[in-house]
Every structure is written in structure tokens, then in C-alpha cells.
Amino acid sequence: MKKKLVFVFFLMVLSANLNAQNTSLLIGKWVFKDVLDKSRMNKEGLKMLNTEFINKMTFDFIENGKFIAYAMGENMSGTWILSKDATKIILKTSEKETYELLILELSKNRLALKLGLGRFLMVKK
């Protein structure tokens, strides 16, 4: 019984450390670079991607839990949190809308996200 309690405590500490590490990796400004599933896009969609998104859409995750974003010619702001299992970024906008971004990849310089049906690659600026 004592071994099980120690093991459970160890897993809880490990989980908290991984979440903190992932949170620190997210902090900073991210710029949209690519769509990971272009095969689903038609010619018009690819053209819009190049003119409206690539190098234009940004997310700035601030250490205090706030974010600032720019997409489709509009600014957005609000708060963000990382889910307990560090697999989702939950955004709450100042307009009280909530979005969940599934993290597909997170490293020092790369962030791959799934939002709805789209999968996107962002790089740290």
C-alpha cells in the first residue's frame, strides 16, 4: 500500500513538472507558417492560405496567462491556460468565446495545433 501511494505521488509530481515545462515552451510569439493537411484544400483555399495566413496570423502567449492574437485582419485577446494533461490550449476571448486548440507538437521553436478540422504549424518568432 505504501509503495502505491509513493508511486501515485511520483506520477502527480511528474505531471505537474511536465505541465510547467510545456507552459514555459508556449510563452512567446508564434507565427503561422503552414497547414499540415493541404491535401484537403482546393486551389482557392491554398491561395487564401498564402495571402491571409502564412506569416500573418500570430499568437502571443504571455506569461501572465493572457494572449494576443492576430488573424484574418482582426486582433483578438483574452486569457489562456494549458490543460492539466498538457494536450490542449484553452483560449477565452474578451468577447467570452472559448476555443480549444489541440497540441499536436510542441518544441522550443515549433507548435503544431489542431483547431476544428485544420492542422496548423506555427514557429516561434
N, C-alpha and C. Protein backbone atom coordinates (compact mmCIF):
# COMPACT_ATOMS: atom_id res chain seq x y z
N MET A 1 0.83 -1.20 0.00
CA MET A 1 0.00 0.00 0.00
C MET A 1 0.87 1.26 0.00
N LYS A 2 1.91 1.26 0.84
CA LYS A 2 2.78 2.42 0.93
C LYS A 2 3.50 2.67 -0.40
N LYS A 3 3.90 1.59 -1.09
CA LYS A 3 4.57 1.72 -2.39
C LYS A 3 3.62 2.34 -3.41
N LYS A 4 2.35 1.96 -3.37
CA LYS A 4 1.37 2.52 -4.31
C LYS A 4 1.18 4.01 -4.08
N LEU A 5 1.13 4.44 -2.82
CA LEU A 5 0.98 5.87 -2.51
C LEU A 5 2.19 6.66 -2.99
N VAL A 6 3.39 6.11 -2.78
CA VAL A 6 4.61 6.79 -3.24
C VAL A 6 4.59 6.90 -4.76
N PHE A 7 4.19 5.82 -5.43
CA PHE A 7 4.13 5.82 -6.89
C PHE A 7 3.12 6.84 -7.41
N VAL A 8 1.94 6.91 -6.83
CA VAL A 8 0.92 7.88 -7.23
C VAL A 8 1.42 9.30 -7.00
N PHE A 9 2.07 9.54 -5.88
CA PHE A 9 2.63 10.87 -5.60
C PHE A 9 3.69 11.23 -6.64
N PHE A 10 4.54 10.26 -6.99
CA PHE A 10 5.57 10.48 -8.00
C PHE A 10 4.94 10.87 -9.34
N LEU A 11 3.89 10.17 -9.75
CA LEU A 11 3.20 10.49 -11.00
C LEU A 11 2.60 11.88 -10.98
N MET A 12 2.05 12.29 -9.84
CA MET A 12 1.46 13.63 -9.73
C MET A 12 2.54 14.70 -9.86
N VAL A 13 3.67 14.51 -9.23
CA VAL A 13 4.78 15.47 -9.31
C VAL A 13 5.31 15.52 -10.73
N LEU A 14 5.48 14.36 -11.37
CA LEU A 14 5.96 14.31 -12.75
C LEU A 14 5.01 15.05 -13.68
N SER A 15 3.72 14.83 -13.51
CA SER A 15 2.71 15.50 -14.34
C SER A 15 2.77 17.02 -14.16
N ALA A 16 2.90 17.48 -12.94
CA ALA A 16 2.98 18.92 -12.68
C ALA A 16 4.23 19.52 -13.32
N ASN A 17 5.35 18.80 -13.27
CA ASN A 17 6.59 19.30 -13.87
C ASN A 17 6.49 19.36 -15.38
N LEU A 18 5.87 18.35 -16.00
CA LEU A 18 5.71 18.36 -17.45
C LEU A 18 4.81 19.50 -17.88
N ASN A 19 3.74 19.76 -17.15
CA ASN A 19 2.84 20.85 -17.47
C ASN A 19 3.57 22.19 -17.38
N ALA A 20 4.36 22.37 -16.33
CA ALA A 20 5.12 23.63 -16.17
C ALA A 20 6.13 23.79 -17.30
N GLN A 21 6.78 22.70 -17.70
CA GLN A 21 7.74 22.77 -18.79
C GLN A 21 7.05 23.15 -20.09
N ASN A 22 5.91 22.51 -20.39
CA ASN A 22 5.17 22.84 -21.61
C ASN A 22 4.66 24.27 -21.58
N THR A 23 4.23 24.74 -20.42
CA THR A 23 3.78 26.12 -20.30
C THR A 23 4.90 27.08 -20.65
N SER A 24 6.09 26.81 -20.16
CA SER A 24 7.22 27.72 -20.46
C SER A 24 7.59 27.66 -21.94
N LEU A 25 7.41 26.51 -22.59
CA LEU A 25 7.68 26.42 -24.02
C LEU A 25 6.69 27.26 -24.83
N LEU A 26 5.46 27.38 -24.35
CA LEU A 26 4.42 28.14 -25.08
C LEU A 26 4.62 29.64 -25.02
N ILE A 27 5.22 30.14 -23.95
CA ILE A 27 5.37 31.57 -23.76
C ILE A 27 6.14 32.18 -24.94
N GLY A 28 5.57 33.21 -25.54
CA GLY A 28 6.22 33.90 -26.64
C GLY A 28 5.29 34.10 -27.81
N LYS A 29 5.84 34.68 -28.86
CA LYS A 29 5.05 34.98 -30.06
C LYS A 29 5.26 33.89 -31.10
N TRP A 30 4.14 33.37 -31.59
CA TRP A 30 4.13 32.31 -32.59
C TRP A 30 3.52 32.84 -33.88
N VAL A 31 4.11 32.46 -35.01
CA VAL A 31 3.66 32.91 -36.32
C VAL A 31 3.27 31.70 -37.16
N PHE A 32 2.11 31.81 -37.81
CA PHE A 32 1.59 30.76 -38.68
C PHE A 32 2.52 30.57 -39.86
N LYS A 33 2.93 29.33 -40.13
CA LYS A 33 3.83 29.06 -41.25
C LYS A 33 3.26 28.11 -42.29
N ASP A 34 2.38 27.19 -41.88
CA ASP A 34 1.92 26.19 -42.85
C ASP A 34 0.68 25.46 -42.35
N VAL A 35 -0.01 24.83 -43.29
CA VAL A 35 -1.11 23.92 -42.98
C VAL A 35 -0.55 22.51 -43.15
N LEU A 36 -0.83 21.66 -42.19
CA LEU A 36 -0.26 20.31 -42.23
C LEU A 36 -1.07 19.34 -43.07
N ASP A 37 -2.27 19.70 -43.48
CA ASP A 37 -3.10 18.80 -44.28
C ASP A 37 -3.61 19.50 -45.53
N LYS A 38 -2.69 19.94 -46.38
CA LYS A 38 -3.04 20.68 -47.60
C LYS A 38 -3.82 19.85 -48.60
N SER A 39 -3.74 18.54 -48.51
CA SER A 39 -4.42 17.69 -49.49
C SER A 39 -5.93 17.89 -49.47
N ARG A 40 -6.46 18.41 -48.37
CA ARG A 40 -7.90 18.65 -48.25
C ARG A 40 -8.31 20.01 -48.84
N MET A 41 -7.33 20.81 -49.25
CA MET A 41 -7.64 22.17 -49.69
C MET A 41 -7.70 22.25 -51.21
N ASN A 42 -8.62 23.08 -51.70
CA ASN A 42 -8.70 23.33 -53.13
C ASN A 42 -7.79 24.50 -53.49
N LYS A 43 -7.74 24.86 -54.77
CA LYS A 43 -6.85 25.90 -55.27
C LYS A 43 -7.15 27.26 -54.61
N GLU A 44 -8.43 27.59 -54.45
CA GLU A 44 -8.82 28.86 -53.84
C GLU A 44 -8.42 28.90 -52.36
N GLY A 45 -8.58 27.77 -51.68
CA GLY A 45 -8.20 27.68 -50.28
C GLY A 45 -6.70 27.87 -50.10
N LEU A 46 -5.91 27.27 -50.98
CA LEU A 46 -4.46 27.43 -50.91
C LEU A 46 -4.04 28.87 -51.17
N LYS A 47 -4.74 29.53 -52.11
CA LYS A 47 -4.43 30.93 -52.40
C LYS A 47 -4.75 31.80 -51.18
N MET A 48 -5.90 31.57 -50.56
CA MET A 48 -6.26 32.33 -49.36
C MET A 48 -5.27 32.07 -48.23
N LEU A 49 -4.84 30.84 -48.11
CA LEU A 49 -3.86 30.48 -47.11
C LEU A 49 -2.60 31.34 -47.25
N ASN A 50 -2.13 31.46 -48.47
CA ASN A 50 -0.91 32.23 -48.71
C ASN A 50 -1.09 33.73 -48.53
N THR A 51 -2.27 34.25 -48.83
CA THR A 51 -2.47 35.70 -48.73
C THR A 51 -2.95 36.14 -47.35
N GLU A 52 -3.70 35.31 -46.65
CA GLU A 52 -4.31 35.72 -45.38
C GLU A 52 -3.65 35.15 -44.13
N PHE A 53 -2.96 34.02 -44.23
CA PHE A 53 -2.49 33.33 -43.03
C PHE A 53 -0.97 33.26 -42.89
N ILE A 54 -0.30 32.73 -43.90
CA ILE A 54 1.14 32.49 -43.77
C ILE A 54 1.87 33.79 -43.48
N ASN A 55 2.63 33.78 -42.41
CA ASN A 55 3.42 34.92 -41.90
C ASN A 55 2.55 36.09 -41.44
N LYS A 56 1.24 35.91 -41.35
CA LYS A 56 0.37 36.99 -40.91
C LYS A 56 -0.38 36.65 -39.62
N MET A 57 -0.86 35.43 -39.47
CA MET A 57 -1.59 35.04 -38.27
C MET A 57 -0.59 34.78 -37.14
N THR A 58 -0.85 35.37 -35.98
CA THR A 58 0.06 35.23 -34.85
C THR A 58 -0.69 34.95 -33.56
N PHE A 59 -0.02 34.29 -32.65
CA PHE A 59 -0.46 34.13 -31.27
C PHE A 59 0.70 34.55 -30.38
N ASP A 60 0.41 35.39 -29.41
CA ASP A 60 1.42 35.77 -28.43
C ASP A 60 0.91 35.31 -27.07
N PHE A 61 1.51 34.24 -26.56
CA PHE A 61 1.14 33.71 -25.25
C PHE A 61 2.02 34.38 -24.20
N ILE A 62 1.39 35.16 -23.34
CA ILE A 62 2.12 35.94 -22.34
C ILE A 62 2.16 35.16 -21.03
N GLU A 63 3.24 35.33 -20.30
CA GLU A 63 3.48 34.57 -19.07
C GLU A 63 2.37 34.72 -18.03
N ASN A 64 1.67 35.83 -18.04
CA ASN A 64 0.63 36.08 -17.03
C ASN A 64 -0.71 35.42 -17.36
N GLY A 65 -0.73 34.54 -18.38
CA GLY A 65 -1.97 33.86 -18.75
C GLY A 65 -2.84 34.62 -19.72
N LYS A 66 -2.32 35.69 -20.27
CA LYS A 66 -3.05 36.47 -21.28
C LYS A 66 -2.50 36.11 -22.66
N PHE A 67 -3.31 36.36 -23.68
CA PHE A 67 -2.83 36.17 -25.04
C PHE A 67 -3.32 37.32 -25.91
N ILE A 68 -2.57 37.54 -26.97
CA ILE A 68 -2.94 38.48 -28.02
C ILE A 68 -2.77 37.73 -29.33
N ALA A 69 -3.75 37.82 -30.20
CA ALA A 69 -3.68 37.11 -31.48
C ALA A 69 -4.09 38.05 -32.60
N TYR A 70 -3.61 37.73 -33.80
CA TYR A 70 -3.98 38.46 -35.00
C TYR A 70 -4.30 37.43 -36.08
N ALA A 71 -5.53 37.47 -36.59
CA ALA A 71 -5.94 36.54 -37.64
C ALA A 71 -7.03 37.17 -38.49
N MET A 72 -6.94 36.93 -39.79
CA MET A 72 -7.94 37.41 -40.74
C MET A 72 -8.18 38.92 -40.61
N GLY A 73 -7.11 39.67 -40.37
CA GLY A 73 -7.22 41.11 -40.29
C GLY A 73 -7.80 41.64 -38.99
N GLU A 74 -7.97 40.78 -38.00
CA GLU A 74 -8.56 41.21 -36.73
C GLU A 74 -7.67 40.85 -35.55
N ASN A 75 -7.67 41.73 -34.56
CA ASN A 75 -6.97 41.45 -33.31
C ASN A 75 -7.92 40.73 -32.36
N MET A 76 -7.35 39.86 -31.54
CA MET A 76 -8.12 39.12 -30.55
C MET A 76 -7.26 39.08 -29.29
N SER A 77 -7.92 39.09 -28.15
CA SER A 77 -7.18 38.99 -26.89
C SER A 77 -8.03 38.26 -25.87
N GLY A 78 -7.39 37.86 -24.79
CA GLY A 78 -8.09 37.16 -23.73
C GLY A 78 -7.11 36.44 -22.83
N THR A 79 -7.57 35.31 -22.29
CA THR A 79 -6.73 34.53 -21.40
C THR A 79 -6.52 33.13 -21.98
N TRP A 80 -5.46 32.49 -21.54
CA TRP A 80 -5.18 31.13 -21.97
C TRP A 80 -4.71 30.30 -20.78
N ILE A 81 -5.03 29.00 -20.86
CA ILE A 81 -4.50 28.05 -19.90
C ILE A 81 -4.14 26.77 -20.66
N LEU A 82 -3.21 26.04 -20.11
CA LEU A 82 -2.85 24.74 -20.64
C LEU A 82 -3.63 23.70 -19.85
N SER A 83 -4.23 22.74 -20.55
CA SER A 83 -5.00 21.70 -19.85
C SER A 83 -4.09 20.93 -18.91
N LYS A 84 -4.69 20.27 -17.92
CA LYS A 84 -3.91 19.53 -16.92
C LYS A 84 -3.03 18.46 -17.54
N ASP A 85 -3.51 17.86 -18.63
CA ASP A 85 -2.70 16.82 -19.28
C ASP A 85 -1.77 17.40 -20.35
N ALA A 86 -1.72 18.72 -20.46
CA ALA A 86 -0.82 19.45 -21.38
C ALA A 86 -1.05 19.08 -22.84
N THR A 87 -2.29 18.75 -23.21
CA THR A 87 -2.58 18.41 -24.60
C THR A 87 -3.41 19.47 -25.30
N LYS A 88 -3.94 20.45 -24.55
CA LYS A 88 -4.79 21.47 -25.15
C LYS A 88 -4.45 22.84 -24.58
N ILE A 89 -4.60 23.85 -25.44
CA ILE A 89 -4.55 25.24 -25.01
C ILE A 89 -5.99 25.72 -25.04
N ILE A 90 -6.48 26.24 -23.93
CA ILE A 90 -7.85 26.71 -23.85
C ILE A 90 -7.81 28.23 -23.83
N LEU A 91 -8.42 28.83 -24.87
CA LEU A 91 -8.45 30.28 -25.00
C LEU A 91 -9.83 30.79 -24.62
N LYS A 92 -9.86 31.86 -23.85
CA LYS A 92 -11.11 32.56 -23.56
C LYS A 92 -10.91 33.99 -24.01
N THR A 93 -11.70 34.40 -25.00
CA THR A 93 -11.53 35.74 -25.56
C THR A 93 -12.23 36.77 -24.68
N SER A 94 -11.88 38.03 -24.94
CA SER A 94 -12.53 39.12 -24.20
C SER A 94 -14.01 39.20 -24.55
N GLU A 95 -14.43 38.57 -25.65
CA GLU A 95 -15.85 38.51 -26.04
C GLU A 95 -16.54 37.29 -25.43
N LYS A 96 -15.88 36.61 -24.50
CA LYS A 96 -16.43 35.45 -23.77
C LYS A 96 -16.58 34.20 -24.63
N GLU A 97 -15.85 34.11 -25.74
CA GLU A 97 -15.85 32.90 -26.54
C GLU A 97 -14.71 32.00 -26.05
N THR A 98 -14.91 30.69 -26.14
CA THR A 98 -13.89 29.73 -25.71
C THR A 98 -13.49 28.86 -26.90
N TYR A 99 -12.19 28.67 -27.06
CA TYR A 99 -11.64 27.83 -28.12
C TYR A 99 -10.66 26.85 -27.48
N GLU A 100 -10.66 25.61 -27.98
CA GLU A 100 -9.69 24.62 -27.55
C GLU A 100 -8.80 24.28 -28.73
N LEU A 101 -7.50 24.45 -28.54
CA LEU A 101 -6.51 24.12 -29.55
C LEU A 101 -5.80 22.85 -29.11
N LEU A 102 -5.90 21.78 -29.86
CA LEU A 102 -5.23 20.54 -29.54
C LEU A 102 -3.77 20.64 -29.95
N ILE A 103 -2.87 20.35 -29.02
CA ILE A 103 -1.43 20.42 -29.31
C ILE A 103 -1.00 19.10 -29.96
N LEU A 104 -0.53 19.18 -31.20
CA LEU A 104 -0.03 18.01 -31.91
C LEU A 104 1.47 17.86 -31.72
N GLU A 105 2.16 19.00 -31.59
CA GLU A 105 3.60 19.03 -31.40
C GLU A 105 3.96 20.32 -30.68
N LEU A 106 4.88 20.24 -29.74
CA LEU A 106 5.37 21.43 -29.04
C LEU A 106 6.83 21.25 -28.74
N SER A 107 7.63 22.14 -29.29
CA SER A 107 9.06 22.16 -29.00
C SER A 107 9.48 23.61 -28.82
N LYS A 108 10.74 23.83 -28.67
CA LYS A 108 11.25 25.19 -28.44
C LYS A 108 10.86 26.15 -29.57
N ASN A 109 10.83 25.65 -30.81
CA ASN A 109 10.59 26.52 -31.96
C ASN A 109 9.39 26.15 -32.82
N ARG A 110 8.73 25.04 -32.53
CA ARG A 110 7.61 24.57 -33.36
C ARG A 110 6.39 24.29 -32.50
N LEU A 111 5.24 24.68 -33.02
CA LEU A 111 3.97 24.43 -32.37
C LEU A 111 2.98 24.00 -33.45
N ALA A 112 2.55 22.74 -33.40
CA ALA A 112 1.55 22.25 -34.33
C ALA A 112 0.23 22.11 -33.56
N LEU A 113 -0.82 22.68 -34.13
CA LEU A 113 -2.12 22.74 -33.46
C LEU A 113 -3.22 22.19 -34.36
N LYS A 114 -4.24 21.66 -33.72
CA LYS A 114 -5.45 21.27 -34.44
C LYS A 114 -6.59 22.13 -33.91
N LEU A 115 -7.27 22.81 -34.81
CA LEU A 115 -8.44 23.61 -34.47
C LEU A 115 -9.52 23.25 -35.47
N GLY A 116 -10.58 22.65 -34.99
CA GLY A 116 -11.63 22.17 -35.88
C GLY A 116 -11.06 21.07 -36.76
N LEU A 117 -11.22 21.20 -38.07
CA LEU A 117 -10.70 20.20 -39.00
C LEU A 117 -9.28 20.51 -39.46
N GLY A 118 -8.78 21.71 -39.15
CA GLY A 118 -7.47 22.12 -39.64
C GLY A 118 -6.33 21.78 -38.70
N ARG A 119 -5.18 21.51 -39.29
CA ARG A 119 -3.94 21.26 -38.55
C ARG A 119 -2.91 22.28 -39.05
N PHE A 120 -2.36 23.04 -38.11
CA PHE A 120 -1.52 24.18 -38.46
C PHE A 120 -0.14 24.09 -37.81
N LEU A 121 0.86 24.60 -38.50
CA LEU A 121 2.21 24.68 -37.96
C LEU A 121 2.54 26.14 -37.70
N MET A 122 3.00 26.42 -36.49
CA MET A 122 3.45 27.76 -36.13
C MET A 122 4.90 27.66 -35.67
N VAL A 123 5.65 28.73 -35.88
CA VAL A 123 7.04 28.77 -35.40
C VAL A 123 7.20 29.98 -34.50
N LYS A 124 8.12 29.85 -33.56
CA LYS A 124 8.35 30.93 -32.62
C LYS A 124 9.14 32.03 -33.30
N LYS A 125 8.69 33.25 -33.10
CA LYS A 125 9.33 34.42 -33.72
C LYS A 125 10.47 34.90 -32.85
